[in-house]
Amino acid sequence: MALARKNSRSNGSSRRQTKGEAFVLCVRNDGYPASLEPRKLYAMVRDASAASHSLMRVIDESGEDYLYPADYFITIRLPANVKMALSKAP
């Protein structure tokens, strides 16, 4: 779980490529009550290396992407118009 701590910041390269392309629903926030809200949608940044360690890179309440345990989220498919609206939201 040490990999999922807030100091696991990306170098920014993955954010430029895929920010906001996928969305996940938070279902747990154990240990991260200030960063994650259960039942809230978050933008996910695809990160194959993180996924291989059962982690997911998510843009959290701080507005930055961090690694969290993958089982804290459910990946959801959204209609294109909803996905676009969420990607443009502040």
N, C-alpha and C. Protein backbone atom coordinates (compact mmCIF):
# COMPACT_ATOMS: atom_id res chain seq x y z
N MET A 1 0.81 -1.18 0.00
CA MET A 1 0.00 0.00 0.00
C MET A 1 0.87 1.26 0.00
N ALA A 2 2.15 1.12 0.31
CA ALA A 2 3.02 2.29 0.34
C ALA A 2 3.07 3.00 -1.01
N LEU A 3 2.91 2.26 -2.09
CA LEU A 3 2.92 2.88 -3.41
C LEU A 3 1.75 3.82 -3.63
N ALA A 4 0.69 3.62 -2.88
CA ALA A 4 -0.53 4.41 -3.09
C ALA A 4 -0.51 5.73 -2.32
N ARG A 5 0.54 6.03 -1.67
CA ARG A 5 0.61 7.26 -0.89
C ARG A 5 0.70 8.48 -1.79
N LYS A 6 0.42 9.64 -1.22
CA LYS A 6 0.38 10.89 -1.96
C LYS A 6 1.71 11.25 -2.63
N ASN A 7 2.81 10.71 -2.17
CA ASN A 7 4.10 11.05 -2.79
C ASN A 7 4.34 10.29 -4.08
N SER A 8 3.37 9.52 -4.53
CA SER A 8 3.52 8.75 -5.76
C SER A 8 3.04 9.55 -6.97
N ARG A 9 3.51 10.74 -7.12
CA ARG A 9 3.12 11.64 -8.20
C ARG A 9 3.74 11.19 -9.50
N SER A 10 3.01 11.45 -10.55
CA SER A 10 3.54 11.15 -11.87
C SER A 10 4.51 12.25 -12.27
N ASN A 11 5.23 11.99 -13.33
CA ASN A 11 6.11 13.02 -13.86
C ASN A 11 5.35 13.93 -14.83
N GLY A 12 4.05 13.69 -14.96
CA GLY A 12 3.23 14.54 -15.82
C GLY A 12 3.01 13.96 -17.20
N SER A 13 3.84 13.03 -17.63
CA SER A 13 3.70 12.54 -19.00
C SER A 13 2.40 11.79 -19.22
N SER A 14 1.96 10.99 -18.25
CA SER A 14 0.73 10.24 -18.44
C SER A 14 -0.48 11.17 -18.42
N ARG A 15 -0.45 12.24 -17.66
CA ARG A 15 -1.57 13.16 -17.60
C ARG A 15 -1.79 13.85 -18.94
N ARG A 16 -0.73 14.22 -19.61
CA ARG A 16 -0.87 14.90 -20.90
C ARG A 16 -1.54 13.99 -21.92
N GLN A 17 -1.24 12.72 -21.86
CA GLN A 17 -1.73 11.80 -22.88
C GLN A 17 -3.18 11.40 -22.67
N THR A 18 -3.63 11.20 -21.43
CA THR A 18 -4.93 10.57 -21.23
C THR A 18 -5.82 11.22 -20.18
N LYS A 19 -5.53 12.40 -19.73
CA LYS A 19 -6.35 13.02 -18.69
C LYS A 19 -7.81 13.09 -19.12
N GLY A 20 -8.68 12.56 -18.25
CA GLY A 20 -10.11 12.66 -18.48
C GLY A 20 -10.69 11.70 -19.50
N GLU A 21 -9.93 10.76 -20.00
CA GLU A 21 -10.46 9.83 -21.00
C GLU A 21 -11.36 8.78 -20.39
N ALA A 22 -11.15 8.43 -19.15
CA ALA A 22 -11.95 7.41 -18.49
C ALA A 22 -12.39 7.94 -17.13
N PHE A 23 -13.50 7.41 -16.66
CA PHE A 23 -14.01 7.83 -15.36
C PHE A 23 -14.26 6.62 -14.50
N VAL A 24 -14.05 6.80 -13.20
CA VAL A 24 -14.25 5.73 -12.24
C VAL A 24 -15.14 6.24 -11.11
N LEU A 25 -15.84 5.31 -10.48
CA LEU A 25 -16.68 5.61 -9.34
C LEU A 25 -15.96 5.14 -8.09
N CYS A 26 -15.79 6.04 -7.14
CA CYS A 26 -15.13 5.69 -5.87
C CYS A 26 -16.11 4.88 -5.01
N VAL A 27 -15.67 3.72 -4.54
CA VAL A 27 -16.51 2.89 -3.68
C VAL A 27 -15.92 2.71 -2.29
N ARG A 28 -14.68 3.16 -2.08
CA ARG A 28 -14.02 3.11 -0.76
C ARG A 28 -13.06 4.28 -0.66
N ASN A 29 -12.80 4.71 0.56
CA ASN A 29 -11.79 5.75 0.76
C ASN A 29 -10.98 5.52 2.03
N ASP A 30 -10.88 4.27 2.48
CA ASP A 30 -10.13 3.93 3.68
C ASP A 30 -8.73 4.55 3.62
N GLY A 31 -8.41 5.38 4.60
CA GLY A 31 -7.09 6.00 4.67
C GLY A 31 -6.94 7.27 3.85
N TYR A 32 -7.96 7.63 3.07
CA TYR A 32 -7.88 8.81 2.21
C TYR A 32 -9.15 9.67 2.30
N PRO A 33 -9.68 9.93 3.49
CA PRO A 33 -10.96 10.64 3.58
C PRO A 33 -10.93 12.07 3.03
N ALA A 34 -9.79 12.71 3.05
CA ALA A 34 -9.70 14.08 2.52
C ALA A 34 -9.49 14.09 1.00
N SER A 35 -9.06 12.97 0.44
CA SER A 35 -8.72 12.92 -0.98
C SER A 35 -9.79 12.28 -1.85
N LEU A 36 -10.56 11.37 -1.27
CA LEU A 36 -11.55 10.61 -2.04
C LEU A 36 -12.90 10.65 -1.34
N GLU A 37 -13.96 10.79 -2.13
CA GLU A 37 -15.32 10.75 -1.60
C GLU A 37 -16.05 9.55 -2.21
N PRO A 38 -16.54 8.64 -1.36
CA PRO A 38 -17.31 7.51 -1.90
C PRO A 38 -18.52 8.01 -2.69
N ARG A 39 -18.89 7.25 -3.72
CA ARG A 39 -20.02 7.54 -4.61
C ARG A 39 -19.76 8.76 -5.49
N LYS A 40 -18.52 9.17 -5.67
CA LYS A 40 -18.20 10.30 -6.53
C LYS A 40 -17.42 9.81 -7.75
N LEU A 41 -17.67 10.44 -8.90
CA LEU A 41 -16.93 10.13 -10.12
C LEU A 41 -15.59 10.87 -10.12
N TYR A 42 -14.56 10.18 -10.59
CA TYR A 42 -13.23 10.78 -10.73
C TYR A 42 -12.69 10.46 -12.11
N ALA A 43 -11.91 11.37 -12.65
CA ALA A 43 -11.20 11.11 -13.90
C ALA A 43 -10.02 10.19 -13.59
N MET A 44 -9.83 9.21 -14.45
CA MET A 44 -8.73 8.26 -14.29
C MET A 44 -7.71 8.52 -15.39
N VAL A 45 -6.46 8.41 -15.04
CA VAL A 45 -5.38 8.51 -16.01
C VAL A 45 -4.84 7.11 -16.22
N ARG A 46 -4.88 6.64 -17.46
CA ARG A 46 -4.41 5.28 -17.74
C ARG A 46 -2.91 5.17 -17.45
N ASP A 47 -2.55 4.13 -16.71
CA ASP A 47 -1.17 3.93 -16.29
C ASP A 47 -0.95 2.42 -16.18
N ALA A 48 -0.37 1.83 -17.20
CA ALA A 48 -0.17 0.38 -17.25
C ALA A 48 0.73 -0.11 -16.12
N SER A 49 1.73 0.67 -15.77
CA SER A 49 2.63 0.27 -14.69
C SER A 49 1.88 0.21 -13.36
N ALA A 50 1.05 1.20 -13.10
CA ALA A 50 0.25 1.21 -11.86
C ALA A 50 -0.70 0.02 -11.85
N ALA A 51 -1.37 -0.23 -12.97
CA ALA A 51 -2.33 -1.32 -13.05
C ALA A 51 -1.66 -2.67 -12.77
N SER A 52 -0.42 -2.82 -13.18
CA SER A 52 0.29 -4.08 -12.93
C SER A 52 0.55 -4.31 -11.44
N HIS A 53 0.41 -3.24 -10.64
CA HIS A 53 0.58 -3.32 -9.19
C HIS A 53 -0.76 -3.18 -8.46
N SER A 54 -1.86 -3.39 -9.18
CA SER A 54 -3.22 -3.26 -8.64
C SER A 54 -3.49 -1.86 -8.09
N LEU A 55 -2.93 -0.87 -8.77
CA LEU A 55 -3.17 0.53 -8.42
C LEU A 55 -3.83 1.24 -9.58
N MET A 56 -4.42 2.39 -9.29
CA MET A 56 -5.09 3.18 -10.32
C MET A 56 -4.68 4.65 -10.10
N ARG A 57 -4.35 5.33 -11.20
CA ARG A 57 -3.99 6.75 -11.12
C ARG A 57 -5.26 7.57 -11.33
N VAL A 58 -5.64 8.33 -10.30
CA VAL A 58 -6.90 9.05 -10.28
C VAL A 58 -6.64 10.52 -9.97
N ILE A 59 -7.37 11.40 -10.63
CA ILE A 59 -7.30 12.83 -10.31
C ILE A 59 -8.25 13.05 -9.14
N ASP A 60 -7.69 13.27 -7.97
CA ASP A 60 -8.49 13.32 -6.75
C ASP A 60 -8.96 14.73 -6.41
N GLU A 61 -9.39 14.93 -5.17
CA GLU A 61 -9.94 16.21 -4.72
C GLU A 61 -8.93 17.36 -4.82
N SER A 62 -7.65 17.05 -4.83
CA SER A 62 -6.62 18.09 -4.93
C SER A 62 -6.49 18.61 -6.36
N GLY A 63 -7.06 17.86 -7.32
CA GLY A 63 -6.93 18.23 -8.73
C GLY A 63 -5.70 17.65 -9.38
N GLU A 64 -4.94 16.87 -8.64
CA GLU A 64 -3.72 16.23 -9.15
C GLU A 64 -3.94 14.73 -9.22
N ASP A 65 -3.13 14.05 -10.03
CA ASP A 65 -3.26 12.59 -10.12
C ASP A 65 -2.34 11.90 -9.14
N TYR A 66 -2.89 10.91 -8.45
CA TYR A 66 -2.17 10.10 -7.47
C TYR A 66 -2.58 8.65 -7.64
N LEU A 67 -1.75 7.77 -7.09
CA LEU A 67 -2.04 6.34 -7.14
C LEU A 67 -2.86 5.93 -5.92
N TYR A 68 -3.89 5.11 -6.18
CA TYR A 68 -4.74 4.55 -5.13
C TYR A 68 -4.97 3.08 -5.44
N PRO A 69 -5.36 2.30 -4.43
CA PRO A 69 -5.68 0.89 -4.70
C PRO A 69 -6.81 0.79 -5.72
N ALA A 70 -6.65 -0.06 -6.71
CA ALA A 70 -7.64 -0.20 -7.78
C ALA A 70 -8.99 -0.66 -7.26
N ASP A 71 -8.99 -1.43 -6.17
CA ASP A 71 -10.28 -1.92 -5.66
C ASP A 71 -11.09 -0.85 -4.93
N TYR A 72 -10.60 0.37 -4.89
CA TYR A 72 -11.36 1.50 -4.33
C TYR A 72 -12.29 2.09 -5.39
N PHE A 73 -12.20 1.61 -6.63
CA PHE A 73 -12.94 2.22 -7.74
C PHE A 73 -13.58 1.16 -8.63
N ILE A 74 -14.64 1.58 -9.31
CA ILE A 74 -15.26 0.78 -10.36
C ILE A 74 -15.19 1.63 -11.63
N THR A 75 -14.61 1.08 -12.68
CA THR A 75 -14.54 1.78 -13.96
C THR A 75 -15.93 1.74 -14.58
N ILE A 76 -16.39 2.89 -15.07
CA ILE A 76 -17.72 2.94 -15.66
C ILE A 76 -17.64 3.47 -17.08
N ARG A 77 -18.57 3.04 -17.90
CA ARG A 77 -18.68 3.53 -19.28
C ARG A 77 -19.77 4.59 -19.30
N LEU A 78 -19.45 5.71 -19.87
CA LEU A 78 -20.41 6.81 -19.97
C LEU A 78 -20.71 7.10 -21.43
N PRO A 79 -21.91 7.59 -21.72
CA PRO A 79 -22.19 8.03 -23.08
C PRO A 79 -21.22 9.15 -23.47
N ALA A 80 -20.91 9.27 -24.74
CA ALA A 80 -19.92 10.25 -25.21
C ALA A 80 -20.26 11.67 -24.78
N ASN A 81 -21.54 12.06 -24.84
CA ASN A 81 -21.90 13.43 -24.47
C ASN A 81 -21.70 13.69 -22.98
N VAL A 82 -21.93 12.70 -22.13
CA VAL A 82 -21.70 12.86 -20.69
C VAL A 82 -20.21 12.93 -20.42
N LYS A 83 -19.45 12.06 -21.06
CA LYS A 83 -17.99 12.04 -20.91
C LYS A 83 -17.40 13.39 -21.31
N MET A 84 -17.87 13.96 -22.41
CA MET A 84 -17.37 15.24 -22.87
C MET A 84 -17.72 16.35 -21.87
N ALA A 85 -18.95 16.34 -21.38
CA ALA A 85 -19.37 17.35 -20.40
C ALA A 85 -18.53 17.26 -19.12
N LEU A 86 -18.25 16.07 -18.65
CA LEU A 86 -17.43 15.91 -17.45
C LEU A 86 -16.00 16.32 -17.68
N SER A 87 -15.47 16.06 -18.86
CA SER A 87 -14.09 16.44 -19.18
C SER A 87 -13.92 17.95 -19.20
N LYS A 88 -14.97 18.68 -19.56
CA LYS A 88 -14.91 20.14 -19.63
C LYS A 88 -15.25 20.82 -18.32
N ALA A 89 -15.79 20.07 -17.37
CA ALA A 89 -16.20 20.66 -16.09
C ALA A 89 -14.96 21.13 -15.33
N PRO A 90 -15.11 22.23 -14.57
CA PRO A 90 -13.97 22.74 -13.80
C PRO A 90 -13.53 21.81 -12.70
